[in-house]
Amino acid sequence: MAGDERLLCALADLADGQSRGLLREGNDDRVFAVRRGHEVFVWLNDCPHNHRPLEFMQDRFLSADGGHIVCYAHSAHFDIRTGACFAGPCEGDRLIPVRSRVADGAVWIARELPTPFDPS
């Protein structure tokens, strides 16, 4: 493990096609991960529309069909791979990615998380 990385979770703890919130602080997870086969996409749990967590209940970040990420507060829809919002009040914005990699059956992320941009 490199000094600028930390273990997020075991790959086996993230079911293929599912999402999971991680790094819990209080009532909210700081990040969430979405697994697609051997790929894992990690995002800050911060909707660009009003900077609140995306899920309506723990680990529920995906649409009913699992095809994209949804912010359940205002129905913003995001691409799983790019984080781009393609529908909803923040269309054209994007989620903030967390640098990650999968190695040796584990998901590793950057030790320092990015900071959400809040212009207010």
N, C-alpha and C. Protein backbone atom coordinates (compact mmCIF):
# COMPACT_ATOMS: atom_id res chain seq x y z
N MET A 1 0.84 -1.19 0.00
CA MET A 1 0.00 0.00 0.00
C MET A 1 0.88 1.24 0.00
N ALA A 2 0.59 2.14 -0.91
CA ALA A 2 1.33 3.39 -0.99
C ALA A 2 0.90 4.31 0.15
N GLY A 3 1.78 5.21 0.56
CA GLY A 3 1.50 6.11 1.67
C GLY A 3 0.37 7.09 1.42
N ASP A 4 0.03 7.31 0.15
CA ASP A 4 -1.04 8.26 -0.15
C ASP A 4 -2.38 7.56 -0.38
N GLU A 5 -2.45 6.26 -0.03
CA GLU A 5 -3.69 5.51 -0.20
C GLU A 5 -4.14 4.89 1.13
N ARG A 6 -5.44 4.54 1.15
CA ARG A 6 -5.97 3.80 2.29
C ARG A 6 -6.97 2.78 1.78
N LEU A 7 -7.15 1.73 2.54
CA LEU A 7 -8.09 0.67 2.20
C LEU A 7 -9.51 1.19 2.38
N LEU A 8 -10.35 1.04 1.35
CA LEU A 8 -11.76 1.41 1.45
C LEU A 8 -12.58 0.20 1.89
N CYS A 9 -12.43 -0.92 1.17
CA CYS A 9 -13.15 -2.15 1.52
C CYS A 9 -12.59 -3.30 0.70
N ALA A 10 -12.96 -4.50 1.08
CA ALA A 10 -12.66 -5.67 0.26
C ALA A 10 -13.58 -5.65 -0.95
N LEU A 11 -13.09 -6.05 -2.10
CA LEU A 11 -13.92 -6.09 -3.29
C LEU A 11 -15.13 -6.99 -3.07
N ALA A 12 -14.96 -8.08 -2.33
CA ALA A 12 -16.06 -9.01 -2.05
C ALA A 12 -17.17 -8.37 -1.22
N ASP A 13 -16.87 -7.27 -0.52
CA ASP A 13 -17.88 -6.58 0.30
C ASP A 13 -18.77 -5.66 -0.53
N LEU A 14 -18.47 -5.55 -1.81
CA LEU A 14 -19.24 -4.70 -2.72
C LEU A 14 -19.76 -5.59 -3.84
N ALA A 15 -21.04 -5.93 -3.77
CA ALA A 15 -21.63 -6.85 -4.74
C ALA A 15 -21.63 -6.24 -6.14
N ASP A 16 -21.38 -7.08 -7.14
CA ASP A 16 -21.39 -6.62 -8.53
C ASP A 16 -22.76 -6.03 -8.87
N GLY A 17 -22.76 -4.85 -9.48
CA GLY A 17 -24.00 -4.19 -9.87
C GLY A 17 -24.65 -3.39 -8.76
N GLN A 18 -24.01 -3.33 -7.60
CA GLN A 18 -24.59 -2.65 -6.45
C GLN A 18 -23.75 -1.44 -6.02
N SER A 19 -24.31 -0.68 -5.10
CA SER A 19 -23.62 0.47 -4.52
C SER A 19 -23.53 0.29 -3.02
N ARG A 20 -22.60 1.02 -2.43
CA ARG A 20 -22.44 0.95 -0.98
C ARG A 20 -21.83 2.25 -0.48
N GLY A 21 -22.41 2.80 0.58
CA GLY A 21 -21.84 3.96 1.23
C GLY A 21 -20.76 3.52 2.20
N LEU A 22 -19.70 4.33 2.29
CA LEU A 22 -18.56 3.97 3.14
C LEU A 22 -17.99 5.21 3.81
N LEU A 23 -17.13 4.99 4.77
CA LEU A 23 -16.51 6.06 5.58
C LEU A 23 -17.58 6.87 6.30
N ARG A 24 -18.36 6.19 7.09
CA ARG A 24 -19.49 6.81 7.80
C ARG A 24 -19.01 7.82 8.83
N GLU A 25 -19.66 8.98 8.82
CA GLU A 25 -19.45 10.02 9.82
C GLU A 25 -20.82 10.48 10.28
N GLY A 26 -21.16 10.23 11.52
CA GLY A 26 -22.49 10.57 12.01
C GLY A 26 -23.53 9.75 11.29
N ASN A 27 -24.50 10.42 10.66
CA ASN A 27 -25.56 9.73 9.94
C ASN A 27 -25.28 9.54 8.46
N ASP A 28 -24.16 10.04 7.97
CA ASP A 28 -23.89 10.03 6.52
C ASP A 28 -22.57 9.34 6.19
N ASP A 29 -22.53 8.76 5.01
CA ASP A 29 -21.30 8.19 4.47
C ASP A 29 -20.59 9.27 3.68
N ARG A 30 -19.29 9.39 3.85
CA ARG A 30 -18.53 10.42 3.13
C ARG A 30 -18.40 10.09 1.65
N VAL A 31 -18.30 8.80 1.32
CA VAL A 31 -18.15 8.38 -0.08
C VAL A 31 -19.11 7.23 -0.35
N PHE A 32 -19.29 6.94 -1.64
CA PHE A 32 -19.99 5.71 -2.02
C PHE A 32 -19.29 5.11 -3.22
N ALA A 33 -19.42 3.79 -3.33
CA ALA A 33 -18.77 3.05 -4.40
C ALA A 33 -19.83 2.27 -5.17
N VAL A 34 -19.60 2.15 -6.47
CA VAL A 34 -20.47 1.37 -7.34
C VAL A 34 -19.58 0.36 -8.07
N ARG A 35 -19.97 -0.90 -8.01
CA ARG A 35 -19.18 -1.95 -8.66
C ARG A 35 -19.84 -2.39 -9.95
N ARG A 36 -19.02 -2.49 -10.99
CA ARG A 36 -19.41 -3.03 -12.29
C ARG A 36 -18.34 -4.04 -12.69
N GLY A 37 -18.58 -5.32 -12.38
CA GLY A 37 -17.58 -6.35 -12.67
C GLY A 37 -16.34 -6.12 -11.81
N HIS A 38 -15.20 -5.99 -12.48
CA HIS A 38 -13.95 -5.76 -11.75
C HIS A 38 -13.64 -4.28 -11.59
N GLU A 39 -14.52 -3.42 -12.09
CA GLU A 39 -14.33 -1.98 -11.95
C GLU A 39 -15.15 -1.46 -10.76
N VAL A 40 -14.58 -0.49 -10.06
CA VAL A 40 -15.27 0.16 -8.96
C VAL A 40 -15.12 1.67 -9.15
N PHE A 41 -16.24 2.37 -9.05
CA PHE A 41 -16.27 3.82 -9.20
C PHE A 41 -16.60 4.40 -7.83
N VAL A 42 -15.76 5.30 -7.34
CA VAL A 42 -15.94 5.87 -6.01
C VAL A 42 -16.18 7.37 -6.16
N TRP A 43 -17.20 7.87 -5.46
CA TRP A 43 -17.61 9.27 -5.54
C TRP A 43 -17.81 9.84 -4.15
N LEU A 44 -17.60 11.15 -4.00
CA LEU A 44 -18.01 11.80 -2.76
C LEU A 44 -19.52 11.71 -2.66
N ASN A 45 -20.04 11.53 -1.49
CA ASN A 45 -21.49 11.47 -1.28
C ASN A 45 -21.99 12.90 -1.11
N ASP A 46 -22.00 13.62 -2.22
CA ASP A 46 -22.32 15.05 -2.22
C ASP A 46 -22.96 15.42 -3.55
N CYS A 47 -24.26 15.72 -3.53
CA CYS A 47 -24.94 16.12 -4.75
C CYS A 47 -24.56 17.56 -5.09
N PRO A 48 -24.16 17.83 -6.33
CA PRO A 48 -23.77 19.20 -6.69
C PRO A 48 -24.94 20.19 -6.68
N HIS A 49 -26.16 19.69 -6.62
CA HIS A 49 -27.32 20.58 -6.63
C HIS A 49 -27.43 21.39 -5.34
N ASN A 50 -27.36 20.71 -4.21
CA ASN A 50 -27.46 21.45 -2.94
C ASN A 50 -26.56 20.88 -1.86
N HIS A 51 -25.55 20.12 -2.26
CA HIS A 51 -24.51 19.59 -1.36
C HIS A 51 -25.08 18.85 -0.16
N ARG A 52 -25.88 17.85 -0.49
CA ARG A 52 -26.41 16.95 0.53
C ARG A 52 -26.12 15.51 0.08
N PRO A 53 -26.19 14.54 0.99
CA PRO A 53 -26.00 13.14 0.59
C PRO A 53 -27.05 12.73 -0.45
N LEU A 54 -26.68 11.77 -1.30
CA LEU A 54 -27.54 11.37 -2.40
C LEU A 54 -28.59 10.31 -2.05
N GLU A 55 -28.28 9.36 -1.18
CA GLU A 55 -29.14 8.20 -0.97
C GLU A 55 -30.36 8.53 -0.13
N PHE A 56 -31.44 7.76 -0.37
CA PHE A 56 -32.65 7.93 0.44
C PHE A 56 -32.63 7.00 1.64
N MET A 57 -31.87 5.94 1.58
CA MET A 57 -31.61 5.07 2.72
C MET A 57 -30.23 4.44 2.50
N GLN A 58 -29.65 3.95 3.56
CA GLN A 58 -28.27 3.49 3.49
C GLN A 58 -28.02 2.55 2.30
N ASP A 59 -26.97 2.85 1.57
CA ASP A 59 -26.48 2.07 0.42
C ASP A 59 -27.39 2.12 -0.79
N ARG A 60 -28.40 2.98 -0.83
CA ARG A 60 -29.31 3.09 -1.97
C ARG A 60 -28.95 4.32 -2.81
N PHE A 61 -27.99 4.15 -3.71
CA PHE A 61 -27.52 5.24 -4.56
C PHE A 61 -27.94 5.06 -6.02
N LEU A 62 -28.45 3.89 -6.37
CA LEU A 62 -28.72 3.58 -7.78
C LEU A 62 -30.21 3.64 -8.10
N SER A 63 -30.49 3.86 -9.38
CA SER A 63 -31.86 3.80 -9.88
C SER A 63 -32.41 2.39 -9.69
N ALA A 64 -33.71 2.23 -9.81
CA ALA A 64 -34.34 0.93 -9.62
C ALA A 64 -33.76 -0.14 -10.54
N ASP A 65 -33.39 0.25 -11.76
CA ASP A 65 -32.81 -0.72 -12.69
C ASP A 65 -31.30 -0.86 -12.55
N GLY A 66 -30.69 -0.10 -11.64
CA GLY A 66 -29.24 -0.16 -11.41
C GLY A 66 -28.42 0.49 -12.50
N GLY A 67 -29.06 1.21 -13.40
CA GLY A 67 -28.36 1.77 -14.55
C GLY A 67 -27.65 3.09 -14.33
N HIS A 68 -28.02 3.81 -13.27
CA HIS A 68 -27.36 5.09 -13.00
C HIS A 68 -27.54 5.48 -11.54
N ILE A 69 -26.80 6.49 -11.13
CA ILE A 69 -26.85 7.01 -9.77
C ILE A 69 -27.97 8.04 -9.70
N VAL A 70 -28.69 8.05 -8.58
CA VAL A 70 -29.79 9.01 -8.40
C VAL A 70 -29.63 9.73 -7.07
N CYS A 71 -29.81 11.05 -7.09
CA CYS A 71 -29.96 11.80 -5.85
C CYS A 71 -31.46 11.82 -5.57
N TYR A 72 -31.84 11.18 -4.49
CA TYR A 72 -33.25 11.01 -4.22
C TYR A 72 -33.93 12.26 -3.67
N ALA A 73 -33.17 13.26 -3.26
CA ALA A 73 -33.79 14.49 -2.74
C ALA A 73 -34.49 15.27 -3.84
N HIS A 74 -33.85 15.39 -5.01
CA HIS A 74 -34.41 16.21 -6.09
C HIS A 74 -34.36 15.51 -7.44
N SER A 75 -34.15 14.19 -7.44
CA SER A 75 -34.20 13.38 -8.65
C SER A 75 -33.16 13.75 -9.71
N ALA A 76 -31.97 14.10 -9.27
CA ALA A 76 -30.86 14.28 -10.22
C ALA A 76 -30.34 12.89 -10.59
N HIS A 77 -29.99 12.70 -11.87
CA HIS A 77 -29.52 11.41 -12.37
C HIS A 77 -28.10 11.57 -12.91
N PHE A 78 -27.21 10.63 -12.53
CA PHE A 78 -25.79 10.72 -12.86
C PHE A 78 -25.30 9.44 -13.51
N ASP A 79 -24.38 9.58 -14.45
CA ASP A 79 -23.73 8.45 -15.10
C ASP A 79 -22.79 7.78 -14.09
N ILE A 80 -22.83 6.46 -14.00
CA ILE A 80 -22.01 5.73 -13.04
C ILE A 80 -20.52 5.89 -13.33
N ARG A 81 -20.14 5.86 -14.59
CA ARG A 81 -18.71 5.90 -14.95
C ARG A 81 -18.11 7.31 -14.94
N THR A 82 -18.88 8.31 -15.32
CA THR A 82 -18.32 9.67 -15.43
C THR A 82 -18.78 10.61 -14.33
N GLY A 83 -19.89 10.29 -13.67
CA GLY A 83 -20.45 11.18 -12.65
C GLY A 83 -21.20 12.35 -13.22
N ALA A 84 -21.35 12.41 -14.54
CA ALA A 84 -22.03 13.54 -15.18
C ALA A 84 -23.53 13.48 -14.92
N CYS A 85 -24.12 14.61 -14.55
CA CYS A 85 -25.56 14.69 -14.35
C CYS A 85 -26.23 14.87 -15.71
N PHE A 86 -27.13 13.96 -16.05
CA PHE A 86 -27.80 14.04 -17.35
C PHE A 86 -29.29 14.37 -17.24
N ALA A 87 -29.80 14.47 -16.01
CA ALA A 87 -31.20 14.85 -15.82
C ALA A 87 -31.38 15.38 -14.40
N GLY A 88 -32.24 16.37 -14.27
CA GLY A 88 -32.52 16.92 -12.95
C GLY A 88 -32.01 18.34 -12.80
N PRO A 89 -32.08 18.88 -11.59
CA PRO A 89 -31.79 20.30 -11.37
C PRO A 89 -30.32 20.68 -11.55
N CYS A 90 -29.41 19.71 -11.55
CA CYS A 90 -27.99 20.06 -11.73
C CYS A 90 -27.44 19.49 -13.03
N GLU A 91 -28.31 19.35 -14.03
CA GLU A 91 -27.88 18.83 -15.34
C GLU A 91 -26.68 19.62 -15.83
N GLY A 92 -25.65 18.91 -16.27
CA GLY A 92 -24.41 19.54 -16.73
C GLY A 92 -23.33 19.57 -15.66
N ASP A 93 -23.70 19.44 -14.38
CA ASP A 93 -22.71 19.33 -13.30
C ASP A 93 -22.27 17.88 -13.21
N ARG A 94 -21.39 17.59 -12.27
CA ARG A 94 -20.95 16.21 -12.08
C ARG A 94 -20.59 15.95 -10.64
N LEU A 95 -20.63 14.66 -10.30
CA LEU A 95 -20.19 14.23 -8.99
C LEU A 95 -18.68 14.37 -8.88
N ILE A 96 -18.16 14.42 -7.67
CA ILE A 96 -16.72 14.56 -7.46
C ILE A 96 -16.12 13.16 -7.28
N PRO A 97 -15.21 12.78 -8.19
CA PRO A 97 -14.62 11.44 -8.09
C PRO A 97 -13.59 11.37 -6.96
N VAL A 98 -13.47 10.18 -6.40
CA VAL A 98 -12.43 9.87 -5.43
C VAL A 98 -11.47 8.92 -6.14
N ARG A 99 -10.20 9.30 -6.21
CA ARG A 99 -9.21 8.44 -6.87
C ARG A 99 -9.20 7.07 -6.21
N SER A 100 -9.35 6.04 -7.02
CA SER A 100 -9.44 4.68 -6.48
C SER A 100 -8.80 3.69 -7.43
N ARG A 101 -8.54 2.50 -6.88
CA ARG A 101 -8.05 1.39 -7.70
C ARG A 101 -8.40 0.09 -7.00
N VAL A 102 -8.50 -0.96 -7.80
CA VAL A 102 -8.75 -2.30 -7.27
C VAL A 102 -7.47 -3.09 -7.42
N ALA A 103 -7.02 -3.69 -6.32
CA ALA A 103 -5.80 -4.52 -6.36
C ALA A 103 -5.88 -5.57 -5.26
N ASP A 104 -5.48 -6.78 -5.60
CA ASP A 104 -5.40 -7.87 -4.63
C ASP A 104 -6.69 -8.06 -3.86
N GLY A 105 -7.83 -7.96 -4.55
CA GLY A 105 -9.12 -8.21 -3.92
C GLY A 105 -9.59 -7.11 -2.99
N ALA A 106 -9.03 -5.90 -3.14
CA ALA A 106 -9.42 -4.79 -2.28
C ALA A 106 -9.58 -3.52 -3.10
N VAL A 107 -10.36 -2.60 -2.56
CA VAL A 107 -10.55 -1.28 -3.17
C VAL A 107 -9.75 -0.28 -2.34
N TRP A 108 -8.86 0.42 -3.00
CA TRP A 108 -8.00 1.43 -2.36
C TRP A 108 -8.41 2.80 -2.85
N ILE A 109 -8.38 3.78 -1.97
CA ILE A 109 -8.69 5.16 -2.35
C ILE A 109 -7.59 6.09 -1.87
N ALA A 110 -7.62 7.31 -2.39
CA ALA A 110 -6.68 8.33 -1.94
C ALA A 110 -6.88 8.59 -0.45
N ARG A 111 -5.80 8.74 0.27
CA ARG A 111 -5.89 9.03 1.71
C ARG A 111 -6.64 10.33 1.96
N GLU A 112 -6.34 11.35 1.16
CA GLU A 112 -7.00 12.64 1.27
C GLU A 112 -8.18 12.70 0.29
N LEU A 113 -9.37 12.94 0.80
CA LEU A 113 -10.53 13.04 -0.06
C LEU A 113 -10.63 14.44 -0.65
N PRO A 114 -11.18 14.54 -1.88
CA PRO A 114 -11.42 15.88 -2.45
C PRO A 114 -12.45 16.61 -1.63
N THR A 115 -12.48 17.91 -1.79
CA THR A 115 -13.44 18.76 -1.07
C THR A 115 -14.54 19.19 -2.03
N PRO A 116 -15.80 19.10 -1.60
CA PRO A 116 -16.88 19.58 -2.47
C PRO A 116 -16.76 21.09 -2.68
N PHE A 117 -17.10 21.53 -3.85
CA PHE A 117 -17.11 22.96 -4.16
C PHE A 117 -18.49 23.49 -3.87
N ASP A 118 -18.58 24.44 -2.96
CA ASP A 118 -19.86 25.04 -2.61
C ASP A 118 -19.71 26.55 -2.76
N PRO A 119 -20.25 27.13 -3.85
CA PRO A 119 -20.04 28.55 -4.11
C PRO A 119 -20.80 29.47 -3.16
N SER A 120 -21.70 28.94 -2.34
CA SER A 120 -22.46 29.81 -1.46
C SER A 120 -21.70 30.20 -0.22
